[in-house]
C-alpha cells in the first residue's frame, strides 16, 4: 500500500456503480456518515458551522448517481450550496443560471470530456474555481486537468479530502475578494495583481489560474530563499502530506510556461529541495 493510499481511509468511487451507501433521497442536511465506514466529512466533534462552505456554491458534475449523491450530501453538510449535473449539457445550463463558485468535474462524462467542459466554463468566467475528479491510473488525465484547473482528486477518494480540497481552493480563489484594495506585489519587473490574478512584466501580461497565482505569490513573498515542496504543499494547497509532491512539480511547469511568454525565466529549482526566484 502506498503512502497516499494509506492515508485515504474509506474510499468512495472505487468503481463505477459501486454504492457508497447514500440513497438519492437522503436529506441535504444529513451527515455524510451515511457512507458506510466513511468519516462524517470532518474530524469528530467538528461543526459544519466552522466550514468554508457558508455562502459558496459548488457545481458537481458526475454521471454516477451514487457518487454524486455522496458528494452532494457531504458538501451540504458543510454548508455548501450544491447543484448536481450528470452531463456536459446540464452543467452548462446550471452554470448559466446560477454562477457557482467551484465546479467539481468528473473527467469522463457520457456526452463529452470534463476537461473540455472545464475550459468552456473557465472561458465564460475566469474566476470560477475548477477541481477535477480523475482515475488514479490515468496520469494523462491529471496532467491535462492541471493545465488550467485549480486542483484534482483521484478516485477512489475520501469525503474528508474532497471537502478539504474544495475549501482550500475557495480560500485561494477568494483571496482577491478579501483585500481588493491591496497594492500590487512586486518582484523585480514582475507585478502581481491580487484582484485579477494577472502578472505584468513591462508591457506584457499573463493570466494565471488562482492556484498558479497563489504559488507565484508565495514564492515572491519568500524571495531570496529556496522554498521546500512540503512548505508549498501546506501553504498553497493545504496538504499535510508529501505524497502529492508531483502536484507542485506540475504547477511549477505550467507557471514557468506562462511566465516565459512574457519574459526571461524567473523560477529556479534546487533539485531535491524546492523552488525559488532568480
C-alpha atoms as a PDB file:
ATOM      1  CA  UNK A   1       0.000   0.000   0.000  1.00  0.00           C
ATOM      2  CA  UNK A   2       1.396   3.404  -0.969  1.00  0.00           C
ATOM      3  CA  UNK A   3       1.587   6.309   1.449  1.00  0.00           C
ATOM      4  CA  UNK A   4      -1.145   8.067  -0.483  1.00  0.00           C
ATOM      5  CA  UNK A   5      -3.444   5.057  -0.331  1.00  0.00           C
ATOM      6  CA  UNK A   6      -2.764   4.500   3.334  1.00  0.00           C
ATOM      7  CA  UNK A   7      -3.997   7.958   4.287  1.00  0.00           C
ATOM      8  CA  UNK A   8      -7.235   7.949   2.289  1.00  0.00           C
ATOM      9  CA  UNK A   9      -9.255   5.867   4.707  1.00  0.00           C
ATOM     10  CA  UNK A  10     -12.578   4.625   3.406  1.00  0.00           C
ATOM     11  CA  UNK A  11     -12.802   5.488  -0.263  1.00  0.00           C
ATOM     12  CA  UNK A  12     -15.726   6.489  -2.452  1.00  0.00           C
ATOM     13  CA  UNK A  13     -15.903   5.926  -6.174  1.00  0.00           C
ATOM     14  CA  UNK A  14     -13.676   2.894  -6.281  1.00  0.00           C
ATOM     15  CA  UNK A  15     -15.619   1.508  -9.223  1.00  0.00           C
ATOM     16  CA  UNK A  16     -18.392   2.649 -11.489  1.00  0.00           C
ATOM     17  CA  UNK A  17     -21.669   1.584  -9.981  1.00  0.00           C
ATOM     18  CA  UNK A  18     -20.277   0.924  -6.516  1.00  0.00           C
ATOM     19  CA  UNK A  19     -22.823   2.048  -3.967  1.00  0.00           C
ATOM     20  CA  UNK A  20     -21.323   4.459  -1.447  1.00  0.00           C
ATOM     21  CA  UNK A  21     -24.216   3.914   0.889  1.00  0.00           C
ATOM     22  CA  UNK A  22     -26.176   7.091   0.347  1.00  0.00           C
ATOM     23  CA  UNK A  23     -29.655   6.988  -1.047  1.00  0.00           C
ATOM     24  CA  UNK A  24     -30.712   9.522  -3.666  1.00  0.00           C
ATOM     25  CA  UNK A  25     -33.473  10.698  -1.366  1.00  0.00           C
ATOM     26  CA  UNK A  26     -31.243  11.441   1.590  1.00  0.00           C
ATOM     27  CA  UNK A  27     -31.815  14.745   3.303  1.00  0.00           C
ATOM     28  CA  UNK A  28     -29.488  17.507   2.130  1.00  0.00           C
ATOM     29  CA  UNK A  29     -28.621  18.234   5.727  1.00  0.00           C
ATOM     30  CA  UNK A  30     -27.786  14.671   6.597  1.00  0.00           C
ATOM     31  CA  UNK A  31     -24.331  13.814   7.733  1.00  0.00           C
ATOM     32  CA  UNK A  32     -22.181  12.281   5.028  1.00  0.00           C
ATOM     33  CA  UNK A  33     -21.628   9.490   7.506  1.00  0.00           C
ATOM     34  CA  UNK A  34     -24.368   7.815   5.508  1.00  0.00           C
ATOM     35  CA  UNK A  35     -21.493   6.374   3.557  1.00  0.00           C
ATOM     36  CA  UNK A  36     -20.618   3.167   5.422  1.00  0.00           C
ATOM     37  CA  UNK A  37     -17.353   3.411   7.267  1.00  0.00           C
ATOM     38  CA  UNK A  38     -16.618   6.886   5.935  1.00  0.00           C
ATOM     39  CA  UNK A  39     -15.923   9.654   8.396  1.00  0.00           C
ATOM     40  CA  UNK A  40     -18.609  12.354   8.599  1.00  0.00           C
ATOM     41  CA  UNK A  41     -16.671  14.769   6.446  1.00  0.00           C
ATOM     42  CA  UNK A  42     -14.967  16.400   9.410  1.00  0.00           C
ATOM     43  CA  UNK A  43     -12.976  15.439  12.454  1.00  0.00           C
ATOM     44  CA  UNK A  44     -15.015  14.143  15.416  1.00  0.00           C
ATOM     45  CA  UNK A  45     -16.882  16.904  17.145  1.00  0.00           C
ATOM     46  CA  UNK A  46     -16.404  19.373  14.319  1.00  0.00           C
ATOM     47  CA  UNK A  47     -19.291  21.614  13.491  1.00  0.00           C
ATOM     48  CA  UNK A  48     -20.256  22.389   9.925  1.00  0.00           C
ATOM     49  CA  UNK A  49     -20.555  25.993  11.024  1.00  0.00           C
ATOM     50  CA  UNK A  50     -16.748  26.184  11.040  1.00  0.00           C
ATOM     51  CA  UNK A  51     -16.528  25.063   7.422  1.00  0.00           C
ATOM     52  CA  UNK A  52     -15.654  27.281   4.442  1.00  0.00           C
ATOM     53  CA  UNK A  53     -18.903  26.314   2.743  1.00  0.00           C
ATOM     54  CA  UNK A  54     -21.204  29.062   4.000  1.00  0.00           C
ATOM     55  CA  UNK A  55     -22.220  31.209   1.066  1.00  0.00           C
ATOM     56  CA  UNK A  56     -20.327  29.178  -1.535  1.00  0.00           C
ATOM     57  CA  UNK A  57     -21.945  27.223  -4.358  1.00  0.00           C
ATOM     58  CA  UNK A  58     -20.465  24.029  -5.805  1.00  0.00           C
ATOM     59  CA  UNK A  59     -21.463  22.569  -9.151  1.00  0.00           C
ATOM     60  CA  UNK A  60     -20.895  18.791  -9.002  1.00  0.00           C
ATOM     61  CA  UNK A  61     -20.665  17.227 -12.465  1.00  0.00           C
ATOM     62  CA  UNK A  62     -20.698  13.439 -12.013  1.00  0.00           C
ATOM     63  CA  UNK A  63     -22.710  10.965 -14.078  1.00  0.00           C
ATOM     64  CA  UNK A  64     -22.655   8.152 -11.491  1.00  0.00           C
ATOM     65  CA  UNK A  65     -25.692   8.904  -9.255  1.00  0.00           C
ATOM     66  CA  UNK A  66     -24.385   7.085  -6.186  1.00  0.00           C
ATOM     67  CA  UNK A  67     -21.134   9.054  -6.213  1.00  0.00           C
ATOM     68  CA  UNK A  68     -22.909  12.338  -6.947  1.00  0.00           C
ATOM     69  CA  UNK A  69     -25.280  11.718  -4.023  1.00  0.00           C
ATOM     70  CA  UNK A  70     -22.462  11.194  -1.525  1.00  0.00           C
ATOM     71  CA  UNK A  71     -20.619  14.288  -2.747  1.00  0.00           C
ATOM     72  CA  UNK A  72     -23.766  16.418  -2.530  1.00  0.00           C
ATOM     73  CA  UNK A  73     -24.684  15.198   0.958  1.00  0.00           C
ATOM     74  CA  UNK A  74     -21.169  15.768   2.300  1.00  0.00           C
ATOM     75  CA  UNK A  75     -20.872  19.244   0.832  1.00  0.00           C
ATOM     76  CA  UNK A  76     -24.338  20.303   2.013  1.00  0.00           C
ATOM     77  CA  UNK A  77     -23.465  19.084   5.495  1.00  0.00           C
ATOM     78  CA  UNK A  78     -20.593  21.562   5.401  1.00  0.00           C
ATOM     79  CA  UNK A  79     -22.977  24.359   4.359  1.00  0.00           C
ATOM     80  CA  UNK A  80     -22.129  24.499   0.677  1.00  0.00           C
ATOM     81  CA  UNK A  81     -24.976  25.116  -1.733  1.00  0.00           C
ATOM     82  CA  UNK A  82     -24.789  22.218  -4.184  1.00  0.00           C
ATOM     83  CA  UNK A  83     -26.064  21.694  -7.700  1.00  0.00           C
ATOM     84  CA  UNK A  84     -25.634  18.353  -9.455  1.00  0.00           C
ATOM     85  CA  UNK A  85     -25.350  17.703 -13.189  1.00  0.00           C
ATOM     86  CA  UNK A  86     -24.770  14.370 -14.892  1.00  0.00           C
ATOM     87  CA  UNK A  87     -23.841  15.648 -18.340  1.00  0.00           C
ATOM     88  CA  UNK A  88     -21.946  18.452 -20.040  1.00  0.00           C
ATOM     89  CA  UNK A  89     -25.201  19.919 -21.315  1.00  0.00           C
ATOM     90  CA  UNK A  90     -26.782  20.010 -17.854  1.00  0.00           C
ATOM     91  CA  UNK A  91     -23.630  21.525 -16.366  1.00  0.00           C
ATOM     92  CA  UNK A  92     -23.522  24.371 -18.884  1.00  0.00           C
ATOM     93  CA  UNK A  93     -27.190  25.142 -18.278  1.00  0.00           C
ATOM     94  CA  UNK A  94     -26.766  25.187 -14.488  1.00  0.00           C
ATOM     95  CA  UNK A  95     -23.669  27.357 -14.705  1.00  0.00           C
ATOM     96  CA  UNK A  96     -25.520  29.868 -16.838  1.00  0.00           C
ATOM     97  CA  UNK A  97     -28.383  30.126 -14.344  1.00  0.00           C
ATOM     98  CA  UNK A  98     -26.590  30.044 -11.018  1.00  0.00           C
ATOM     99  CA  UNK A  99     -22.911  31.059 -11.434  1.00  0.00           C
ATOM    100  CA  UNK A 100     -21.287  28.648  -8.940  1.00  0.00           C
ATOM    101  CA  UNK A 101     -18.054  29.431  -7.098  1.00  0.00           C
ATOM    102  CA  UNK A 102     -16.498  25.999  -7.671  1.00  0.00           C
ATOM    103  CA  UNK A 103     -17.058  23.290 -10.267  1.00  0.00           C
ATOM    104  CA  UNK A 104     -16.166  19.707  -9.282  1.00  0.00           C
ATOM    105  CA  UNK A 105     -15.877  17.884 -12.612  1.00  0.00           C
ATOM    106  CA  UNK A 106     -15.529  14.221 -13.481  1.00  0.00           C
ATOM    107  CA  UNK A 107     -13.111  13.910 -16.391  1.00  0.00           C
ATOM    108  CA  UNK A 108     -15.199  11.184 -18.065  1.00  0.00           C
ATOM    109  CA  UNK A 109     -18.786  12.209 -18.873  1.00  0.00           C
ATOM    110  CA  UNK A 110     -21.338  10.484 -21.116  1.00  0.00           C
ATOM    111  CA  UNK A 111     -21.657  13.359 -23.586  1.00  0.00           C
ATOM    112  CA  UNK A 112     -18.186  14.862 -23.525  1.00  0.00           C
ATOM    113  CA  UNK A 113     -14.829  15.391 -21.863  1.00  0.00           C
ATOM    114  CA  UNK A 114     -14.802  17.002 -18.427  1.00  0.00           C
ATOM    115  CA  UNK A 115     -11.607  18.856 -19.298  1.00  0.00           C
ATOM    116  CA  UNK A 116     -13.230  20.430 -22.348  1.00  0.00           C
ATOM    117  CA  UNK A 117     -16.171  21.383 -20.142  1.00  0.00           C
ATOM    118  CA  UNK A 118     -13.762  22.967 -17.674  1.00  0.00           C
ATOM    119  CA  UNK A 119     -12.168  25.024 -20.432  1.00  0.00           C
ATOM    120  CA  UNK A 120     -15.559  26.290 -21.560  1.00  0.00           C
ATOM    121  CA  UNK A 121     -16.607  27.161 -18.013  1.00  0.00           C
ATOM    122  CA  UNK A 122     -13.306  28.949 -17.388  1.00  0.00           C
ATOM    123  CA  UNK A 123     -13.656  30.866 -20.670  1.00  0.00           C
ATOM    124  CA  UNK A 124     -17.085  32.056 -19.525  1.00  0.00           C
ATOM    125  CA  UNK A 125     -15.873  33.099 -16.079  1.00  0.00           C
ATOM    126  CA  UNK A 126     -12.108  33.160 -15.380  1.00  0.00           C
ATOM    127  CA  UNK A 127     -12.767  33.466 -11.641  1.00  0.00           C
ATOM    128  CA  UNK A 128     -14.552  30.087 -11.456  1.00  0.00           C
ATOM    129  CA  UNK A 129     -12.536  27.517  -9.487  1.00  0.00           C
ATOM    130  CA  UNK A 130     -12.157  24.101 -11.143  1.00  0.00           C
ATOM    131  CA  UNK A 131     -11.466  20.814  -9.350  1.00  0.00           C
ATOM    132  CA  UNK A 132     -11.265  17.599 -11.366  1.00  0.00           C
ATOM    133  CA  UNK A 133     -12.090  14.018 -10.419  1.00  0.00           C
ATOM    134  CA  UNK A 134      -9.704  11.674 -12.245  1.00  0.00           C
ATOM    135  CA  UNK A 135      -8.820   7.984 -12.341  1.00  0.00           C
ATOM    136  CA  UNK A 136      -5.727   7.149 -10.300  1.00  0.00           C
ATOM    137  CA  UNK A 137      -4.250   5.100 -13.164  1.00  0.00           C
ATOM    138  CA  UNK A 138      -4.604   7.836 -15.764  1.00  0.00           C
ATOM    139  CA  UNK A 139      -1.648  10.255 -15.427  1.00  0.00           C
ATOM    140  CA  UNK A 140      -2.516  11.911 -18.740  1.00  0.00           C
ATOM    141  CA  UNK A 141      -5.853  12.956 -17.233  1.00  0.00           C
ATOM    142  CA  UNK A 142      -4.065  14.553 -14.298  1.00  0.00           C
ATOM    143  CA  UNK A 143      -1.627  16.480 -16.479  1.00  0.00           C
ATOM    144  CA  UNK A 144      -4.410  17.618 -18.798  1.00  0.00           C
ATOM    145  CA  UNK A 145      -6.575  18.766 -15.913  1.00  0.00           C
ATOM    146  CA  UNK A 146      -3.789  20.636 -14.152  1.00  0.00           C
ATOM    147  CA  UNK A 147      -3.082  22.639 -17.289  1.00  0.00           C
ATOM    148  CA  UNK A 148      -5.875  25.024 -16.367  1.00  0.00           C
ATOM    149  CA  UNK A 149      -7.640  23.656 -13.269  1.00  0.00           C
ATOM    150  CA  UNK A 150      -7.021  24.532  -9.644  1.00  0.00           C
ATOM    151  CA  UNK A 151      -6.751  21.030  -8.188  1.00  0.00           C
ATOM    152  CA  UNK A 152      -7.531  17.397  -8.871  1.00  0.00           C
ATOM    153  CA  UNK A 153      -8.776  14.490  -6.756  1.00  0.00           C
ATOM    154  CA  UNK A 154      -8.106  10.890  -7.706  1.00  0.00           C
ATOM    155  CA  UNK A 155     -10.668   8.098  -7.483  1.00  0.00           C
ATOM    156  CA  UNK A 156     -11.307   6.383  -5.174  1.00  0.00           C
ATOM    157  CA  UNK A 157     -11.464   9.401  -2.891  1.00  0.00           C
ATOM    158  CA  UNK A 158     -12.170  10.147   0.755  1.00  0.00           C
ATOM    159  CA  UNK A 159     -15.032  12.535   1.528  1.00  0.00           C
ATOM    160  CA  UNK A 160     -12.949  14.399   4.113  1.00  0.00           C
ATOM    161  CA  UNK A 161     -10.330  15.072   1.467  1.00  0.00           C
ATOM    162  CA  UNK A 162     -12.868  16.363  -1.057  1.00  0.00           C
ATOM    163  CA  UNK A 163     -14.303  18.863   1.439  1.00  0.00           C
ATOM    164  CA  UNK A 164     -10.817  19.990   2.494  1.00  0.00           C
ATOM    165  CA  UNK A 165      -9.607  20.416  -1.076  1.00  0.00           C
ATOM    166  CA  UNK A 166     -12.634  22.451  -2.136  1.00  0.00           C
ATOM    167  CA  UNK A 167     -12.271  24.627   0.961  1.00  0.00           C
ATOM    168  CA  UNK A 168      -8.601  25.224   0.154  1.00  0.00           C
ATOM    169  CA  UNK A 169      -9.403  26.133  -3.451  1.00  0.00           C
ATOM    170  CA  UNK A 170     -12.037  28.614  -2.255  1.00  0.00           C
ATOM    171  CA  UNK A 171      -9.553  30.282   0.073  1.00  0.00           C
ATOM    172  CA  UNK A 172      -7.200  30.754  -2.868  1.00  0.00           C
ATOM    173  CA  UNK A 173      -9.801  31.944  -5.361  1.00  0.00           C
ATOM    174  CA  UNK A 174     -11.370  34.361  -2.881  1.00  0.00           C
ATOM    175  CA  UNK A 175      -8.074  35.991  -1.933  1.00  0.00           C
ATOM    176  CA  UNK A 176      -8.752  38.889  -4.282  1.00  0.00           C
ATOM    177  CA  UNK A 177     -12.182  39.445  -2.738  1.00  0.00           C
ATOM    178  CA  UNK A 178     -10.833  39.708   0.797  1.00  0.00           C
ATOM    179  CA  UNK A 179      -8.414  42.580   0.182  1.00  0.00           C
ATOM    180  CA  UNK A 180      -9.421  44.158  -3.125  1.00  0.00           C
ATOM    181  CA  UNK A 181      -7.552  47.408  -2.420  1.00  0.00           C
ATOM    182  CA  UNK A 182      -4.208  45.763  -1.629  1.00  0.00           C
ATOM    183  CA  UNK A 183      -1.415  47.343  -3.731  1.00  0.00           C
ATOM    184  CA  UNK A 184       0.258  45.122  -6.342  1.00  0.00           C
ATOM    185  CA  UNK A 185       3.017  42.834  -5.102  1.00  0.00           C
ATOM    186  CA  UNK A 186       6.309  43.343  -6.939  1.00  0.00           C
ATOM    187  CA  UNK A 187       9.464  41.358  -7.510  1.00  0.00           C
ATOM    188  CA  UNK A 188      11.972  42.823  -9.932  1.00  0.00           C
ATOM    189  CA  UNK A 189       9.997  43.728 -13.037  1.00  0.00           C
ATOM    190  CA  UNK A 190       7.119  41.415 -12.096  1.00  0.00           C
ATOM    191  CA  UNK A 191       3.903  42.962 -10.802  1.00  0.00           C
ATOM    192  CA  UNK A 192       1.178  40.738  -9.322  1.00  0.00           C
ATOM    193  CA  UNK A 193      -2.442  41.879  -9.237  1.00  0.00           C
ATOM    194  CA  UNK A 194      -4.383  40.108  -6.471  1.00  0.00           C
ATOM    195  CA  UNK A 195      -7.768  41.169  -7.811  1.00  0.00           C
ATOM    196  CA  UNK A 196      -7.371  39.682 -11.295  1.00  0.00           C
ATOM    197  CA  UNK A 197      -4.626  37.014 -10.953  1.00  0.00           C
ATOM    198  CA  UNK A 198      -2.727  38.822 -13.704  1.00  0.00           C
ATOM    199  CA  UNK A 199       1.075  39.092 -13.759  1.00  0.00           C
ATOM    200  CA  UNK A 200       2.558  42.091 -15.562  1.00  0.00           C
ATOM    201  CA  UNK A 201       6.068  42.390 -16.913  1.00  0.00           C
ATOM    202  CA  UNK A 202       6.837  45.647 -18.689  1.00  0.00           C
ATOM    203  CA  UNK A 203       4.011  45.952 -21.229  1.00  0.00           C
ATOM    204  CA  UNK A 204       3.122  42.248 -21.310  1.00  0.00           C
ATOM    205  CA  UNK A 205       0.690  40.295 -19.133  1.00  0.00           C
ATOM    206  CA  UNK A 206      -0.058  36.685 -18.246  1.00  0.00           C
ATOM    207  CA  UNK A 207      -3.402  35.487 -16.897  1.00  0.00           C
ATOM    208  CA  UNK A 208      -2.892  32.868 -14.178  1.00  0.00           C
ATOM    209  CA  UNK A 209      -5.329  30.481 -12.571  1.00  0.00           C
ATOM    210  CA  UNK A 210      -5.980  31.130  -8.864  1.00  0.00           C
ATOM    211  CA  UNK A 211      -3.687  28.256  -7.883  1.00  0.00           C
ATOM    212  CA  UNK A 212      -0.876  29.328 -10.214  1.00  0.00           C
ATOM    213  CA  UNK A 213      -1.206  32.825  -8.819  1.00  0.00           C
ATOM    214  CA  UNK A 214      -1.110  31.609  -5.209  1.00  0.00           C
ATOM    215  CA  UNK A 215       2.025  29.594  -5.983  1.00  0.00           C
ATOM    216  CA  UNK A 216       3.836  32.527  -7.587  1.00  0.00           C
ATOM    217  CA  UNK A 217       2.705  34.886  -4.837  1.00  0.00           C
ATOM    218  CA  UNK A 218       4.108  32.610  -2.148  1.00  0.00           C
ATOM    219  CA  UNK A 219       7.430  32.369  -3.985  1.00  0.00           C
ATOM    220  CA  UNK A 220       7.572  36.164  -4.312  1.00  0.00           C
ATOM    221  CA  UNK A 221       6.829  36.655  -0.624  1.00  0.00           C
ATOM    222  CA  UNK A 222       9.677  34.251   0.143  1.00  0.00           C
ATOM    223  CA  UNK A 223      12.110  35.680  -2.400  1.00  0.00           C
ATOM    224  CA  UNK A 224      15.748  35.138  -1.519  1.00  0.00           C
ATOM    225  CA  UNK A 225      15.376  31.601  -0.254  1.00  0.00           C
ATOM    226  CA  UNK A 226      14.556  28.148  -1.550  1.00  0.00           C
ATOM    227  CA  UNK A 227      11.043  27.069  -0.553  1.00  0.00           C
ATOM    228  CA  UNK A 228      10.717  23.299   0.079  1.00  0.00           C
ATOM    229  CA  UNK A 229       7.985  21.396  -1.754  1.00  0.00           C
ATOM    230  CA  UNK A 230       6.439  20.410   1.564  1.00  0.00           C
ATOM    231  CA  UNK A 231       6.026  24.051   2.547  1.00  0.00           C
ATOM    232  CA  UNK A 232       4.418  24.872  -0.799  1.00  0.00           C
ATOM    233  CA  UNK A 233       2.001  21.976  -0.349  1.00  0.00           C
ATOM    234  CA  UNK A 234       0.986  23.241   3.093  1.00  0.00           C
ATOM    235  CA  UNK A 235       0.619  26.915   2.240  1.00  0.00           C
ATOM    236  CA  UNK A 236      -0.736  26.774  -1.317  1.00  0.00           C
ATOM    237  CA  UNK A 237      -2.686  23.504  -1.337  1.00  0.00           C
ATOM    238  CA  UNK A 238      -3.251  22.963   2.410  1.00  0.00           C
ATOM    239  CA  UNK A 239      -1.877  19.428   2.079  1.00  0.00           C
ATOM    240  CA  UNK A 240      -0.369  17.890   5.180  1.00  0.00           C
ATOM    241  CA  UNK A 241       1.296  15.003   3.340  1.00  0.00           C
ATOM    242  CA  UNK A 242       4.163  14.838   0.852  1.00  0.00           C
ATOM    243  CA  UNK A 243       2.646  12.082  -1.291  1.00  0.00           C
ATOM    244  CA  UNK A 244       1.201  14.694  -3.667  1.00  0.00           C
ATOM    245  CA  UNK A 245       4.533  16.467  -4.320  1.00  0.00           C
ATOM    246  CA  UNK A 246       4.096  15.871  -8.066  1.00  0.00           C
ATOM    247  CA  UNK A 247       1.309  18.457  -7.888  1.00  0.00           C
ATOM    248  CA  UNK A 248       3.920  21.113  -7.115  1.00  0.00           C
ATOM    249  CA  UNK A 249       6.150  19.999  -9.994  1.00  0.00           C
ATOM    250  CA  UNK A 250       3.252  20.061 -12.431  1.00  0.00           C
ATOM    251  CA  UNK A 251       2.080  23.522 -11.407  1.00  0.00           C
ATOM    252  CA  UNK A 252       5.627  24.887 -11.473  1.00  0.00           C
ATOM    253  CA  UNK A 253       5.887  23.617 -15.056  1.00  0.00           C
ATOM    254  CA  UNK A 254       2.689  25.368 -16.122  1.00  0.00           C
ATOM    255  CA  UNK A 255       3.625  28.541 -14.270  1.00  0.00           C
ATOM    256  CA  UNK A 256       7.039  28.622 -15.952  1.00  0.00           C
ATOM    257  CA  UNK A 257       5.403  28.228 -19.348  1.00  0.00           C
ATOM    258  CA  UNK A 258       3.094  31.209 -18.786  1.00  0.00           C
ATOM    259  CA  UNK A 259       5.848  33.415 -17.377  1.00  0.00           C
ATOM    260  CA  UNK A 260       8.181  32.502 -20.260  1.00  0.00           C
ATOM    261  CA  UNK A 261       5.670  34.071 -22.634  1.00  0.00           C
ATOM    262  CA  UNK A 262       6.219  37.497 -21.056  1.00  0.00           C
ATOM    263  CA  UNK A 263       9.934  37.454 -20.219  1.00  0.00           C
ATOM    264  CA  UNK A 264      13.056  35.512 -19.239  1.00  0.00           C
ATOM    265  CA  UNK A 265      12.941  32.611 -16.744  1.00  0.00           C
ATOM    266  CA  UNK A 266      12.400  33.641 -13.143  1.00  0.00           C
ATOM    267  CA  UNK A 267      11.698  30.393 -11.218  1.00  0.00           C
ATOM    268  CA  UNK A 268      14.712  28.353 -10.135  1.00  0.00           C
ATOM    269  CA  UNK A 269      14.928  24.745  -8.950  1.00  0.00           C
ATOM    270  CA  UNK A 270      17.140  23.400  -6.189  1.00  0.00           C
ATOM    271  CA  UNK A 271      16.985  19.709  -7.020  1.00  0.00           C
ATOM    272  CA  UNK A 272      15.784  17.632  -4.112  1.00  0.00           C
ATOM    273  CA  UNK A 273      14.967  20.728  -2.051  1.00  0.00           C
ATOM    274  CA  UNK A 274      12.467  23.081  -3.632  1.00  0.00           C
ATOM    275  CA  UNK A 275      11.989  26.249  -5.679  1.00  0.00           C
ATOM    276  CA  UNK A 276      12.943  29.895  -5.568  1.00  0.00           C
ATOM    277  CA  UNK A 277      13.182  33.025  -7.705  1.00  0.00           C
ATOM    278  CA  UNK A 278      16.166  34.133  -9.773  1.00  0.00           C
END
